[in-house]
Structures are given as C-alpha cells and as structure tokens.
Amino acid sequence: MEFEDKMREFILSFLETQPNQVNLKTVQKLIDYGKNNHYTAPKILNELYKMDQKHEQVLTATLDVDYVDGVKLFSKHAEKWLTPKGSAYLDQLKHLQNKADTMDFPGKTEIYENTDFDGYLSQLTSVSKTLKSQSERLTLQEFALELRHLLTDTKKLDKGALNKFKPFVDRNWTSLSTPMTPILVELSRRFLIENSYDG
C-alpha cells in the first residue's frame, strides 16, 4: 500500500469517528494524533485540501490552506466529515490495507487474516454500548484504530506505544479486558517471542 494511501486511510478513519465535529478543532486533534504515526501537519493538511469538497469531494468541508495566514474551514454546518463518495473511498482503502496486511504474514490465508483482526476489533468496539459518554465512545474508536495499525503494521512495536490511552483503559478495564485479550496476546507474542519482528 502506498504511503499516501495509508495516510489517507488514517485521516479518513479518524474523521469518520468524529460526527458533528466538522471544525478546525478536530483538524488539530487529527494533526496531534497523526504525529504518533509520523505524519506531519503540512502532509495532513495537503491531503485534506486535495480531498475537500472543491477538489476530490471526499470530504463535506472545503479547506483554504495558507501557511502564512493559517487554515480556514468552510463546512456549511455539515454533520459528518465524509461524503458518500468519501465513505466508499475509505472502504476501498481499508480493503487495500487488509490485502497488503495479508502479505506481511505468510502462511495464513486472506480470509483467516481478515476475519481474525476484524473480529477482534469489532468485539472491542461493540463495548461502546456500555460506555457512559460520547467522548468515551470516540476514544474507544481512536483506540481501536491505533490497535488496528499496530496489528497490521510491520513496524517494530515500541514500549509505551499506547500510553496516551492509559487513563481510558484504566477507567474501562472491566469492559475492555475480555475483548482485548486476543489482541494483547497477539501483540505480546510479536514483542516477546518474535524478536526479529522489526519490519
């Protein structure tokens, strides 16, 4: 999967988890979150600009990016970031990502690979019904997205890669522990057993 496609999948997956938040504050959150994946602010803004309503029509909003005067966003009171075309495009990118991921783990069929990780993650996100607030549910979606990248990425697992989610996990451990077990087992297997796993 191309670097640009991977970054776009990250951007759109994040924005999809931010309903009724079509504003610059969300763009700032996206940029902050993107730093964890080594995506710089100019790169993210450039992709947002290319995908906006005026250009590729993947996003409902239009961006005016000026590196001197800053960024302006025109949303026309949109309730979600992705247009129907954008949602279809994100599905296509996720499919590409899943296809690319299966090549990283020889010996397993594509069906097994997809079912495995998708199953783990959908079990985890189904916990959202038990969470008390919309903010907690959004954090769960961000957490699941980060876990998906760790499960499907070939980069070396870093100590403390999920540190920023510690308060969230601590608060919701009772609900999260059961669906997280297979995910933690898979990540620890790579970290503790496959010492050559460093991409």
N, C-alpha and C. Protein backbone atom coordinates (compact mmCIF):
# COMPACT_ATOMS: atom_id res chain seq x y z
N MET A 1 0.84 -1.19 0.00
CA MET A 1 0.00 0.00 0.00
C MET A 1 0.88 1.24 0.00
N GLU A 2 0.58 2.19 -0.89
CA GLU A 2 1.38 3.42 -1.00
C GLU A 2 1.30 4.23 0.30
N PHE A 3 2.35 5.01 0.57
CA PHE A 3 2.39 5.85 1.77
C PHE A 3 1.19 6.80 1.80
N GLU A 4 0.90 7.43 0.65
CA GLU A 4 -0.20 8.40 0.59
C GLU A 4 -1.54 7.72 0.89
N ASP A 5 -1.75 6.52 0.33
CA ASP A 5 -3.00 5.79 0.58
C ASP A 5 -3.13 5.44 2.06
N LYS A 6 -2.01 5.03 2.66
CA LYS A 6 -2.02 4.66 4.07
C LYS A 6 -2.36 5.87 4.94
N MET A 7 -1.76 7.02 4.57
CA MET A 7 -2.04 8.24 5.32
C MET A 7 -3.50 8.66 5.14
N ARG A 8 -4.01 8.53 3.93
CA ARG A 8 -5.42 8.89 3.67
C ARG A 8 -6.36 7.98 4.46
N GLU A 9 -6.02 6.70 4.51
CA GLU A 9 -6.86 5.76 5.26
C GLU A 9 -6.87 6.14 6.74
N PHE A 10 -5.72 6.55 7.25
CA PHE A 10 -5.61 7.01 8.64
C PHE A 10 -6.47 8.26 8.85
N ILE A 11 -6.34 9.25 7.96
CA ILE A 11 -7.08 10.51 8.07
C ILE A 11 -8.58 10.26 8.03
N LEU A 12 -9.03 9.53 7.03
CA LEU A 12 -10.47 9.32 6.85
C LEU A 12 -11.05 8.45 7.95
N SER A 13 -10.29 7.44 8.42
CA SER A 13 -10.77 6.60 9.52
C SER A 13 -10.96 7.44 10.78
N PHE A 14 -10.01 8.35 11.02
CA PHE A 14 -10.12 9.23 12.18
C PHE A 14 -11.34 10.15 12.04
N LEU A 15 -11.47 10.80 10.89
CA LEU A 15 -12.56 11.76 10.69
C LEU A 15 -13.92 11.08 10.76
N GLU A 16 -13.97 9.83 10.34
CA GLU A 16 -15.23 9.09 10.39
C GLU A 16 -15.71 8.91 11.83
N THR A 17 -14.77 8.93 12.78
CA THR A 17 -15.13 8.76 14.20
C THR A 17 -15.51 10.09 14.85
N GLN A 18 -15.61 11.17 14.08
CA GLN A 18 -15.88 12.48 14.66
C GLN A 18 -17.17 13.10 14.12
N PRO A 19 -18.33 12.45 14.33
CA PRO A 19 -19.58 13.04 13.85
C PRO A 19 -19.90 14.33 14.60
N ASN A 20 -20.57 15.25 13.93
CA ASN A 20 -20.93 16.56 14.50
C ASN A 20 -19.72 17.35 15.01
N GLN A 21 -18.56 17.05 14.45
CA GLN A 21 -17.34 17.76 14.86
C GLN A 21 -16.59 18.27 13.63
N VAL A 22 -17.33 18.78 12.64
CA VAL A 22 -16.68 19.26 11.41
C VAL A 22 -16.18 20.67 11.69
N ASN A 23 -15.00 20.76 12.28
CA ASN A 23 -14.43 22.05 12.66
C ASN A 23 -12.90 21.95 12.72
N LEU A 24 -12.28 23.10 12.92
CA LEU A 24 -10.80 23.13 12.95
C LEU A 24 -10.23 22.45 14.20
N LYS A 25 -11.02 22.41 15.27
CA LYS A 25 -10.55 21.73 16.49
C LYS A 25 -10.28 20.25 16.19
N THR A 26 -11.15 19.65 15.39
CA THR A 26 -10.96 18.24 15.01
C THR A 26 -9.73 18.09 14.12
N VAL A 27 -9.51 19.05 13.22
CA VAL A 27 -8.31 19.02 12.37
C VAL A 27 -7.06 19.06 13.25
N GLN A 28 -7.09 19.88 14.31
CA GLN A 28 -5.95 19.97 15.23
C GLN A 28 -5.74 18.63 15.95
N LYS A 29 -6.86 18.00 16.37
CA LYS A 29 -6.77 16.68 17.02
C LYS A 29 -6.17 15.66 16.06
N LEU A 30 -6.60 15.72 14.80
CA LEU A 30 -6.09 14.81 13.77
C LEU A 30 -4.59 14.99 13.60
N ILE A 31 -4.14 16.25 13.57
CA ILE A 31 -2.71 16.53 13.41
C ILE A 31 -1.92 16.01 14.61
N ASP A 32 -2.45 16.25 15.82
CA ASP A 32 -1.77 15.76 17.04
C ASP A 32 -1.69 14.24 17.04
N TYR A 33 -2.79 13.61 16.67
CA TYR A 33 -2.87 12.14 16.63
C TYR A 33 -1.96 11.60 15.53
N GLY A 34 -1.88 12.34 14.42
CA GLY A 34 -1.05 11.95 13.28
C GLY A 34 0.44 11.90 13.61
N LYS A 35 0.86 12.73 14.56
CA LYS A 35 2.28 12.75 14.96
C LYS A 35 2.72 11.39 15.47
N ASN A 36 1.79 10.66 16.13
CA ASN A 36 2.12 9.32 16.62
C ASN A 36 2.45 8.36 15.48
N ASN A 37 1.92 8.67 14.30
CA ASN A 37 2.17 7.83 13.12
C ASN A 37 3.18 8.47 12.17
N HIS A 38 3.85 9.50 12.65
CA HIS A 38 4.89 10.21 11.88
C HIS A 38 4.33 10.91 10.64
N TYR A 39 3.08 11.39 10.72
CA TYR A 39 2.51 12.20 9.65
C TYR A 39 2.60 13.67 10.08
N THR A 40 3.28 14.49 9.30
CA THR A 40 3.47 15.89 9.68
C THR A 40 2.22 16.71 9.37
N ALA A 41 2.10 17.86 10.03
CA ALA A 41 0.95 18.75 9.82
C ALA A 41 0.83 19.16 8.35
N PRO A 42 1.91 19.61 7.68
CA PRO A 42 1.76 20.00 6.27
C PRO A 42 1.26 18.86 5.38
N LYS A 43 1.74 17.63 5.65
CA LYS A 43 1.30 16.49 4.84
C LYS A 43 -0.19 16.22 5.05
N ILE A 44 -0.64 16.25 6.30
CA ILE A 44 -2.06 16.01 6.60
C ILE A 44 -2.92 17.11 5.97
N LEU A 45 -2.51 18.37 6.15
CA LEU A 45 -3.28 19.49 5.57
C LEU A 45 -3.34 19.40 4.06
N ASN A 46 -2.23 19.00 3.45
CA ASN A 46 -2.19 18.86 1.99
C ASN A 46 -3.19 17.80 1.51
N GLU A 47 -3.27 16.67 2.22
CA GLU A 47 -4.22 15.62 1.84
C GLU A 47 -5.66 16.07 2.08
N LEU A 48 -5.90 16.76 3.20
CA LEU A 48 -7.25 17.28 3.46
C LEU A 48 -7.67 18.23 2.34
N TYR A 49 -6.75 19.08 1.94
CA TYR A 49 -7.03 20.06 0.88
C TYR A 49 -7.38 19.34 -0.43
N LYS A 50 -6.59 18.30 -0.77
CA LYS A 50 -6.83 17.57 -2.03
C LYS A 50 -8.16 16.82 -2.00
N MET A 51 -8.58 16.36 -0.79
CA MET A 51 -9.81 15.55 -0.68
C MET A 51 -11.06 16.39 -0.40
N ASP A 52 -10.89 17.72 -0.28
CA ASP A 52 -12.04 18.52 0.15
C ASP A 52 -13.13 18.65 -0.92
N GLN A 53 -14.20 19.34 -0.58
CA GLN A 53 -15.39 19.46 -1.42
C GLN A 53 -15.10 20.10 -2.78
N LYS A 54 -14.10 21.00 -2.79
CA LYS A 54 -13.79 21.72 -4.03
C LYS A 54 -12.97 20.86 -5.00
N HIS A 55 -12.27 19.85 -4.47
CA HIS A 55 -11.38 19.06 -5.32
C HIS A 55 -11.92 17.65 -5.56
N GLU A 56 -11.54 16.68 -4.70
CA GLU A 56 -11.97 15.29 -4.93
C GLU A 56 -13.35 14.96 -4.38
N GLN A 57 -13.92 15.86 -3.58
CA GLN A 57 -15.26 15.69 -2.98
C GLN A 57 -15.38 14.45 -2.10
N VAL A 58 -14.28 14.13 -1.43
CA VAL A 58 -14.28 13.03 -0.47
C VAL A 58 -14.79 13.54 0.88
N LEU A 59 -14.53 14.83 1.16
CA LEU A 59 -14.94 15.47 2.41
C LEU A 59 -16.10 16.44 2.16
N THR A 60 -16.92 16.64 3.19
CA THR A 60 -18.05 17.56 3.07
C THR A 60 -17.59 19.01 3.17
N ALA A 61 -16.45 19.24 3.81
CA ALA A 61 -15.95 20.60 4.04
C ALA A 61 -14.96 21.03 2.95
N THR A 62 -14.75 22.34 2.89
CA THR A 62 -13.74 22.90 1.99
C THR A 62 -12.67 23.57 2.85
N LEU A 63 -11.41 23.34 2.50
CA LEU A 63 -10.31 23.94 3.26
C LEU A 63 -9.56 24.96 2.43
N ASP A 64 -9.18 26.02 3.10
CA ASP A 64 -8.31 27.01 2.49
C ASP A 64 -7.03 26.99 3.31
N VAL A 65 -5.97 26.43 2.74
CA VAL A 65 -4.72 26.25 3.48
C VAL A 65 -3.71 27.30 3.03
N ASP A 66 -3.33 28.15 3.97
CA ASP A 66 -2.32 29.17 3.69
C ASP A 66 -1.32 29.10 4.83
N TYR A 67 -0.08 28.74 4.49
CA TYR A 67 0.91 28.51 5.55
C TYR A 67 1.38 29.79 6.22
N VAL A 68 0.92 30.94 5.72
CA VAL A 68 1.24 32.21 6.38
C VAL A 68 0.07 32.62 7.28
N ASP A 69 -1.14 32.64 6.70
CA ASP A 69 -2.32 33.10 7.44
C ASP A 69 -3.05 32.00 8.20
N GLY A 70 -2.68 30.76 7.98
CA GLY A 70 -3.34 29.66 8.69
C GLY A 70 -4.35 28.94 7.82
N VAL A 71 -5.20 28.16 8.47
CA VAL A 71 -6.16 27.30 7.76
C VAL A 71 -7.57 27.79 8.03
N LYS A 72 -8.37 27.88 6.98
CA LYS A 72 -9.79 28.21 7.14
C LYS A 72 -10.59 27.01 6.69
N LEU A 73 -11.70 26.76 7.38
CA LEU A 73 -12.54 25.62 7.03
C LEU A 73 -13.97 26.10 6.81
N PHE A 74 -14.55 25.69 5.70
CA PHE A 74 -15.93 26.02 5.38
C PHE A 74 -16.73 24.73 5.37
N SER A 75 -17.66 24.59 6.33
CA SER A 75 -18.33 23.29 6.47
C SER A 75 -19.81 23.31 6.11
N LYS A 76 -20.41 24.51 6.00
CA LYS A 76 -21.86 24.64 5.73
C LYS A 76 -22.66 23.78 6.72
N HIS A 77 -22.24 23.78 7.97
CA HIS A 77 -22.93 23.07 9.06
C HIS A 77 -23.09 21.57 8.79
N ALA A 78 -22.08 20.97 8.17
CA ALA A 78 -22.12 19.52 7.90
C ALA A 78 -22.10 18.76 9.22
N GLU A 79 -22.81 17.63 9.25
CA GLU A 79 -22.86 16.81 10.47
C GLU A 79 -21.83 15.69 10.46
N LYS A 80 -21.24 15.43 9.30
CA LYS A 80 -20.17 14.42 9.25
C LYS A 80 -19.13 14.86 8.23
N TRP A 81 -17.94 14.31 8.37
CA TRP A 81 -16.83 14.71 7.53
C TRP A 81 -16.88 14.10 6.13
N LEU A 82 -17.26 12.82 6.05
CA LEU A 82 -17.14 12.10 4.78
C LEU A 82 -18.42 12.20 3.95
N THR A 83 -18.26 12.47 2.67
CA THR A 83 -19.38 12.42 1.74
C THR A 83 -19.65 10.93 1.44
N PRO A 84 -20.79 10.59 0.79
CA PRO A 84 -20.99 9.18 0.41
C PRO A 84 -19.82 8.67 -0.44
N LYS A 85 -19.32 9.53 -1.33
CA LYS A 85 -18.15 9.16 -2.14
C LYS A 85 -16.94 8.89 -1.24
N GLY A 86 -16.79 9.71 -0.18
CA GLY A 86 -15.69 9.56 0.77
C GLY A 86 -15.77 8.25 1.55
N SER A 87 -17.00 7.87 1.95
CA SER A 87 -17.20 6.61 2.69
C SER A 87 -16.84 5.42 1.81
N ALA A 88 -17.25 5.48 0.53
CA ALA A 88 -16.93 4.39 -0.41
C ALA A 88 -15.41 4.32 -0.62
N TYR A 89 -14.78 5.49 -0.71
CA TYR A 89 -13.33 5.56 -0.90
C TYR A 89 -12.59 4.98 0.31
N LEU A 90 -13.09 5.28 1.52
CA LEU A 90 -12.47 4.75 2.73
C LEU A 90 -12.58 3.23 2.76
N ASP A 91 -13.75 2.70 2.38
CA ASP A 91 -13.92 1.23 2.32
C ASP A 91 -12.90 0.61 1.37
N GLN A 92 -12.70 1.29 0.24
CA GLN A 92 -11.73 0.82 -0.76
C GLN A 92 -10.32 0.82 -0.17
N LEU A 93 -9.96 1.89 0.55
CA LEU A 93 -8.63 1.97 1.17
C LEU A 93 -8.45 0.90 2.24
N LYS A 94 -9.51 0.64 3.03
CA LYS A 94 -9.43 -0.40 4.07
C LYS A 94 -9.23 -1.77 3.42
N HIS A 95 -9.90 -1.97 2.30
CA HIS A 95 -9.75 -3.24 1.58
C HIS A 95 -8.31 -3.40 1.09
N LEU A 96 -7.74 -2.31 0.55
CA LEU A 96 -6.34 -2.33 0.10
C LEU A 96 -5.41 -2.63 1.27
N GLN A 97 -5.69 -1.98 2.42
CA GLN A 97 -4.87 -2.17 3.62
C GLN A 97 -4.93 -3.63 4.06
N ASN A 98 -6.14 -4.20 4.10
CA ASN A 98 -6.30 -5.60 4.50
C ASN A 98 -5.55 -6.53 3.56
N LYS A 99 -5.62 -6.22 2.27
CA LYS A 99 -4.95 -7.03 1.26
C LYS A 99 -3.43 -6.96 1.45
N ALA A 100 -2.94 -5.74 1.71
CA ALA A 100 -1.50 -5.55 1.93
C ALA A 100 -1.06 -6.27 3.20
N ASP A 101 -1.90 -6.21 4.24
CA ASP A 101 -1.55 -6.83 5.51
C ASP A 101 -1.35 -8.33 5.39
N THR A 102 -2.15 -8.97 4.56
CA THR A 102 -2.06 -10.43 4.46
C THR A 102 -0.71 -10.86 3.90
N MET A 103 -0.06 -9.97 3.14
CA MET A 103 1.24 -10.31 2.58
C MET A 103 2.33 -10.28 3.66
N ASP A 104 2.06 -9.57 4.76
CA ASP A 104 3.06 -9.45 5.81
C ASP A 104 3.12 -10.69 6.70
N PHE A 105 2.11 -11.56 6.61
CA PHE A 105 2.07 -12.72 7.47
C PHE A 105 1.94 -13.97 6.62
N PRO A 106 3.04 -14.47 6.08
CA PRO A 106 2.96 -15.63 5.20
C PRO A 106 2.41 -16.84 5.93
N GLY A 107 1.76 -17.72 5.15
CA GLY A 107 1.25 -18.95 5.73
C GLY A 107 -0.19 -18.88 6.20
N LYS A 108 -0.78 -17.68 6.18
CA LYS A 108 -2.19 -17.57 6.56
C LYS A 108 -2.97 -17.11 5.35
N THR A 109 -4.17 -17.61 5.19
CA THR A 109 -4.98 -17.18 4.04
C THR A 109 -5.57 -15.81 4.33
N GLU A 110 -5.96 -15.14 3.27
CA GLU A 110 -6.53 -13.79 3.41
C GLU A 110 -7.79 -13.82 4.27
N ILE A 111 -8.64 -14.81 4.06
CA ILE A 111 -9.90 -14.88 4.81
C ILE A 111 -9.61 -15.00 6.30
N TYR A 112 -8.67 -15.86 6.65
CA TYR A 112 -8.33 -16.05 8.06
C TYR A 112 -7.79 -14.76 8.66
N GLU A 113 -6.89 -14.10 7.90
CA GLU A 113 -6.26 -12.88 8.40
C GLU A 113 -7.30 -11.79 8.65
N ASN A 114 -8.14 -11.55 7.65
CA ASN A 114 -9.15 -10.50 7.78
C ASN A 114 -10.11 -10.80 8.92
N THR A 115 -10.59 -12.04 8.97
CA THR A 115 -11.56 -12.41 9.99
C THR A 115 -10.94 -12.26 11.38
N ASP A 116 -9.69 -12.68 11.50
CA ASP A 116 -9.01 -12.60 12.79
C ASP A 116 -9.01 -11.19 13.36
N PHE A 117 -8.34 -10.27 12.69
CA PHE A 117 -8.18 -8.93 13.24
C PHE A 117 -9.50 -8.16 13.24
N ASP A 118 -10.27 -8.27 12.17
CA ASP A 118 -11.54 -7.56 12.12
C ASP A 118 -12.46 -8.05 13.24
N GLY A 119 -12.44 -9.35 13.48
CA GLY A 119 -13.26 -9.93 14.55
C GLY A 119 -12.85 -9.41 15.91
N TYR A 120 -11.55 -9.40 16.18
CA TYR A 120 -11.05 -8.90 17.46
C TYR A 120 -11.50 -7.45 17.67
N LEU A 121 -11.29 -6.64 16.62
CA LEU A 121 -11.55 -5.20 16.74
C LEU A 121 -13.05 -4.90 16.83
N SER A 122 -13.87 -5.66 16.09
CA SER A 122 -15.31 -5.39 16.19
C SER A 122 -15.85 -5.82 17.55
N GLN A 123 -15.25 -6.89 18.14
CA GLN A 123 -15.64 -7.27 19.51
C GLN A 123 -15.29 -6.14 20.48
N LEU A 124 -14.13 -5.55 20.26
CA LEU A 124 -13.69 -4.45 21.13
C LEU A 124 -14.61 -3.24 20.98
N THR A 125 -14.91 -2.84 19.74
CA THR A 125 -15.75 -1.65 19.53
C THR A 125 -17.19 -1.87 19.96
N SER A 126 -17.62 -3.13 20.03
CA SER A 126 -19.00 -3.40 20.47
C SER A 126 -19.20 -3.03 21.95
N VAL A 127 -18.08 -2.85 22.67
CA VAL A 127 -18.13 -2.44 24.08
C VAL A 127 -18.69 -1.03 24.21
N SER A 128 -18.69 -0.26 23.12
CA SER A 128 -19.10 1.16 23.18
C SER A 128 -20.48 1.34 23.82
N LYS A 129 -21.35 0.34 23.66
CA LYS A 129 -22.71 0.42 24.25
C LYS A 129 -22.65 0.57 25.78
N THR A 130 -21.60 0.02 26.38
CA THR A 130 -21.51 0.05 27.85
C THR A 130 -20.82 1.32 28.37
N LEU A 131 -20.25 2.11 27.47
CA LEU A 131 -19.52 3.30 27.91
C LEU A 131 -20.48 4.45 28.21
N LYS A 132 -20.09 5.27 29.18
CA LYS A 132 -21.02 6.27 29.72
C LYS A 132 -21.22 7.50 28.84
N SER A 133 -20.20 7.92 28.11
CA SER A 133 -20.33 9.19 27.38
C SER A 133 -19.90 9.05 25.92
N GLN A 134 -20.33 10.03 25.11
CA GLN A 134 -19.94 10.07 23.70
C GLN A 134 -18.43 10.23 23.58
N SER A 135 -17.85 11.00 24.49
CA SER A 135 -16.40 11.21 24.49
C SER A 135 -15.66 9.89 24.69
N GLU A 136 -16.14 9.05 25.61
CA GLU A 136 -15.52 7.74 25.85
C GLU A 136 -15.67 6.85 24.62
N ARG A 137 -16.84 6.94 23.95
CA ARG A 137 -17.06 6.11 22.76
C ARG A 137 -16.12 6.52 21.63
N LEU A 138 -15.88 7.83 21.49
CA LEU A 138 -14.95 8.31 20.47
C LEU A 138 -13.52 7.87 20.79
N THR A 139 -13.17 7.92 22.08
CA THR A 139 -11.83 7.47 22.49
C THR A 139 -11.67 5.98 22.17
N LEU A 140 -12.73 5.20 22.38
CA LEU A 140 -12.67 3.77 22.06
C LEU A 140 -12.41 3.57 20.58
N GLN A 141 -13.06 4.38 19.73
CA GLN A 141 -12.85 4.25 18.28
C GLN A 141 -11.41 4.61 17.91
N GLU A 142 -10.88 5.65 18.55
CA GLU A 142 -9.48 6.03 18.29
C GLU A 142 -8.54 4.93 18.76
N PHE A 143 -8.85 4.35 19.91
CA PHE A 143 -8.04 3.27 20.49
C PHE A 143 -8.05 2.05 19.55
N ALA A 144 -9.23 1.71 19.05
CA ALA A 144 -9.36 0.57 18.14
C ALA A 144 -8.59 0.83 16.85
N LEU A 145 -8.63 2.08 16.38
CA LEU A 145 -7.90 2.46 15.16
C LEU A 145 -6.40 2.31 15.37
N GLU A 146 -5.92 2.74 16.53
CA GLU A 146 -4.49 2.62 16.84
C GLU A 146 -4.09 1.15 16.97
N LEU A 147 -4.93 0.35 17.60
CA LEU A 147 -4.66 -1.09 17.71
C LEU A 147 -4.63 -1.74 16.34
N ARG A 148 -5.55 -1.31 15.47
CA ARG A 148 -5.59 -1.86 14.11
C ARG A 148 -4.27 -1.60 13.40
N HIS A 149 -3.74 -0.37 13.58
CA HIS A 149 -2.46 -0.04 12.94
C HIS A 149 -1.32 -0.89 13.54
N LEU A 150 -1.36 -1.10 14.84
CA LEU A 150 -0.32 -1.94 15.46
C LEU A 150 -0.42 -3.39 14.99
N LEU A 151 -1.64 -3.88 14.86
CA LEU A 151 -1.84 -5.27 14.44
C LEU A 151 -1.45 -5.49 12.98
N THR A 152 -1.67 -4.46 12.16
CA THR A 152 -1.47 -4.65 10.72
C THR A 152 -0.19 -4.03 10.21
N ASP A 153 0.50 -3.26 11.03
CA ASP A 153 1.73 -2.61 10.59
C ASP A 153 2.91 -3.55 10.75
N THR A 154 3.92 -3.32 9.93
CA THR A 154 5.12 -4.15 10.06
C THR A 154 6.22 -3.46 10.85
N LYS A 155 5.90 -2.25 11.39
CA LYS A 155 6.94 -1.55 12.15
C LYS A 155 7.13 -2.21 13.52
N LYS A 156 8.29 -1.98 14.09
CA LYS A 156 8.61 -2.56 15.39
C LYS A 156 7.67 -1.98 16.44
N LEU A 157 7.25 -2.82 17.38
CA LEU A 157 6.39 -2.36 18.47
C LEU A 157 7.25 -1.60 19.47
N ASP A 158 6.85 -0.38 19.78
CA ASP A 158 7.61 0.43 20.73
C ASP A 158 6.99 0.34 22.12
N LYS A 159 7.85 0.36 23.12
CA LYS A 159 7.37 0.38 24.50
C LYS A 159 6.55 1.65 24.72
N GLY A 160 5.38 1.51 25.31
CA GLY A 160 4.54 2.67 25.59
C GLY A 160 3.82 3.23 24.37
N ALA A 161 3.68 2.44 23.31
CA ALA A 161 3.04 2.93 22.08
C ALA A 161 1.60 3.39 22.32
N LEU A 162 0.96 2.85 23.36
CA LEU A 162 -0.44 3.20 23.63
C LEU A 162 -0.60 3.99 24.94
N ASN A 163 0.49 4.60 25.40
CA ASN A 163 0.48 5.34 26.66
C ASN A 163 -0.66 6.33 26.81
N LYS A 164 -0.97 7.04 25.71
CA LYS A 164 -1.97 8.11 25.81
C LYS A 164 -3.36 7.57 26.13
N PHE A 165 -3.56 6.25 25.93
CA PHE A 165 -4.87 5.66 26.22
C PHE A 165 -4.95 5.06 27.62
N LYS A 166 -3.87 5.19 28.42
CA LYS A 166 -3.83 4.56 29.74
C LYS A 166 -5.01 4.98 30.63
N PRO A 167 -5.31 6.30 30.76
CA PRO A 167 -6.45 6.67 31.62
C PRO A 167 -7.76 6.06 31.14
N PHE A 168 -7.96 6.05 29.83
CA PHE A 168 -9.19 5.46 29.26
C PHE A 168 -9.27 3.97 29.56
N VAL A 169 -8.17 3.25 29.36
CA VAL A 169 -8.15 1.80 29.60
C VAL A 169 -8.36 1.52 31.09
N ASP A 170 -7.69 2.30 31.95
CA ASP A 170 -7.84 2.11 33.40
C ASP A 170 -9.30 2.30 33.83
N ARG A 171 -9.94 3.35 33.30
CA ARG A 171 -11.34 3.64 33.68
C ARG A 171 -12.30 2.54 33.22
N ASN A 172 -11.98 1.91 32.08
CA ASN A 172 -12.93 0.97 31.48
C ASN A 172 -12.40 -0.46 31.42
N TRP A 173 -11.45 -0.78 32.28
CA TRP A 173 -10.78 -2.09 32.21
C TRP A 173 -11.77 -3.26 32.28
N THR A 174 -12.78 -3.15 33.14
CA THR A 174 -13.74 -4.25 33.30
C THR A 174 -14.41 -4.58 31.97
N SER A 175 -14.80 -3.55 31.23
CA SER A 175 -15.47 -3.78 29.94
C SER A 175 -14.48 -4.19 28.85
N LEU A 176 -13.26 -3.64 28.90
CA LEU A 176 -12.30 -3.83 27.81
C LEU A 176 -11.49 -5.13 27.91
N SER A 177 -11.29 -5.63 29.13
CA SER A 177 -10.32 -6.73 29.31
C SER A 177 -10.65 -7.97 28.49
N THR A 178 -11.91 -8.39 28.45
CA THR A 178 -12.24 -9.62 27.72
C THR A 178 -12.02 -9.48 26.22
N PRO A 179 -12.61 -8.45 25.55
CA PRO A 179 -12.36 -8.36 24.11
C PRO A 179 -10.91 -8.01 23.74
N MET A 180 -10.18 -7.42 24.69
CA MET A 180 -8.78 -7.06 24.39
C MET A 180 -7.82 -8.24 24.52
N THR A 181 -8.24 -9.29 25.21
CA THR A 181 -7.33 -10.42 25.48
C THR A 181 -6.67 -10.96 24.20
N PRO A 182 -7.41 -11.33 23.14
CA PRO A 182 -6.72 -11.87 21.96
C PRO A 182 -5.79 -10.85 21.28
N ILE A 183 -6.16 -9.56 21.38
CA ILE A 183 -5.31 -8.51 20.78
C ILE A 183 -4.00 -8.41 21.55
N LEU A 184 -4.10 -8.38 22.87
CA LEU A 184 -2.89 -8.30 23.71
C LEU A 184 -2.02 -9.53 23.55
N VAL A 185 -2.65 -10.70 23.41
CA VAL A 185 -1.89 -11.94 23.21
C VAL A 185 -1.11 -11.85 21.90
N GLU A 186 -1.77 -11.39 20.83
CA GLU A 186 -1.10 -11.27 19.52
C GLU A 186 0.06 -10.27 19.58
N LEU A 187 -0.17 -9.12 20.20
CA LEU A 187 0.89 -8.09 20.27
C LEU A 187 2.04 -8.56 21.15
N SER A 188 1.71 -9.21 22.27
CA SER A 188 2.81 -9.67 23.15
C SER A 188 3.58 -10.83 22.51
N ARG A 189 2.89 -11.66 21.72
CA ARG A 189 3.58 -12.74 21.00
C ARG A 189 4.66 -12.14 20.10
N ARG A 190 4.28 -11.07 19.39
CA ARG A 190 5.28 -10.44 18.50
C ARG A 190 6.39 -9.79 19.30
N PHE A 191 6.03 -9.15 20.39
CA PHE A 191 7.00 -8.40 21.17
C PHE A 191 7.94 -9.32 21.94
N LEU A 192 7.38 -10.39 22.51
CA LEU A 192 8.18 -11.25 23.39
C LEU A 192 8.81 -12.45 22.68
N ILE A 193 8.13 -12.94 21.64
CA ILE A 193 8.61 -14.19 21.02
C ILE A 193 9.33 -13.91 19.70
N GLU A 194 8.74 -13.05 18.87
CA GLU A 194 9.35 -12.81 17.55
C GLU A 194 10.31 -11.64 17.64
N ASN A 195 11.49 -11.88 18.22
CA ASN A 195 12.42 -10.77 18.42
C ASN A 195 12.97 -10.20 17.12
N SER A 196 12.77 -10.92 16.01
CA SER A 196 13.24 -10.39 14.73
C SER A 196 12.17 -9.49 14.09
N TYR A 197 11.02 -9.36 14.76
CA TYR A 197 9.90 -8.59 14.21
C TYR A 197 10.20 -7.11 14.35
N ASP A 198 10.84 -6.55 13.33
CA ASP A 198 11.09 -5.10 13.38
C ASP A 198 10.96 -4.48 12.01
N GLY A 199 10.22 -5.12 11.11
CA GLY A 199 9.95 -4.56 9.79
C GLY A 199 11.23 -4.47 9.03
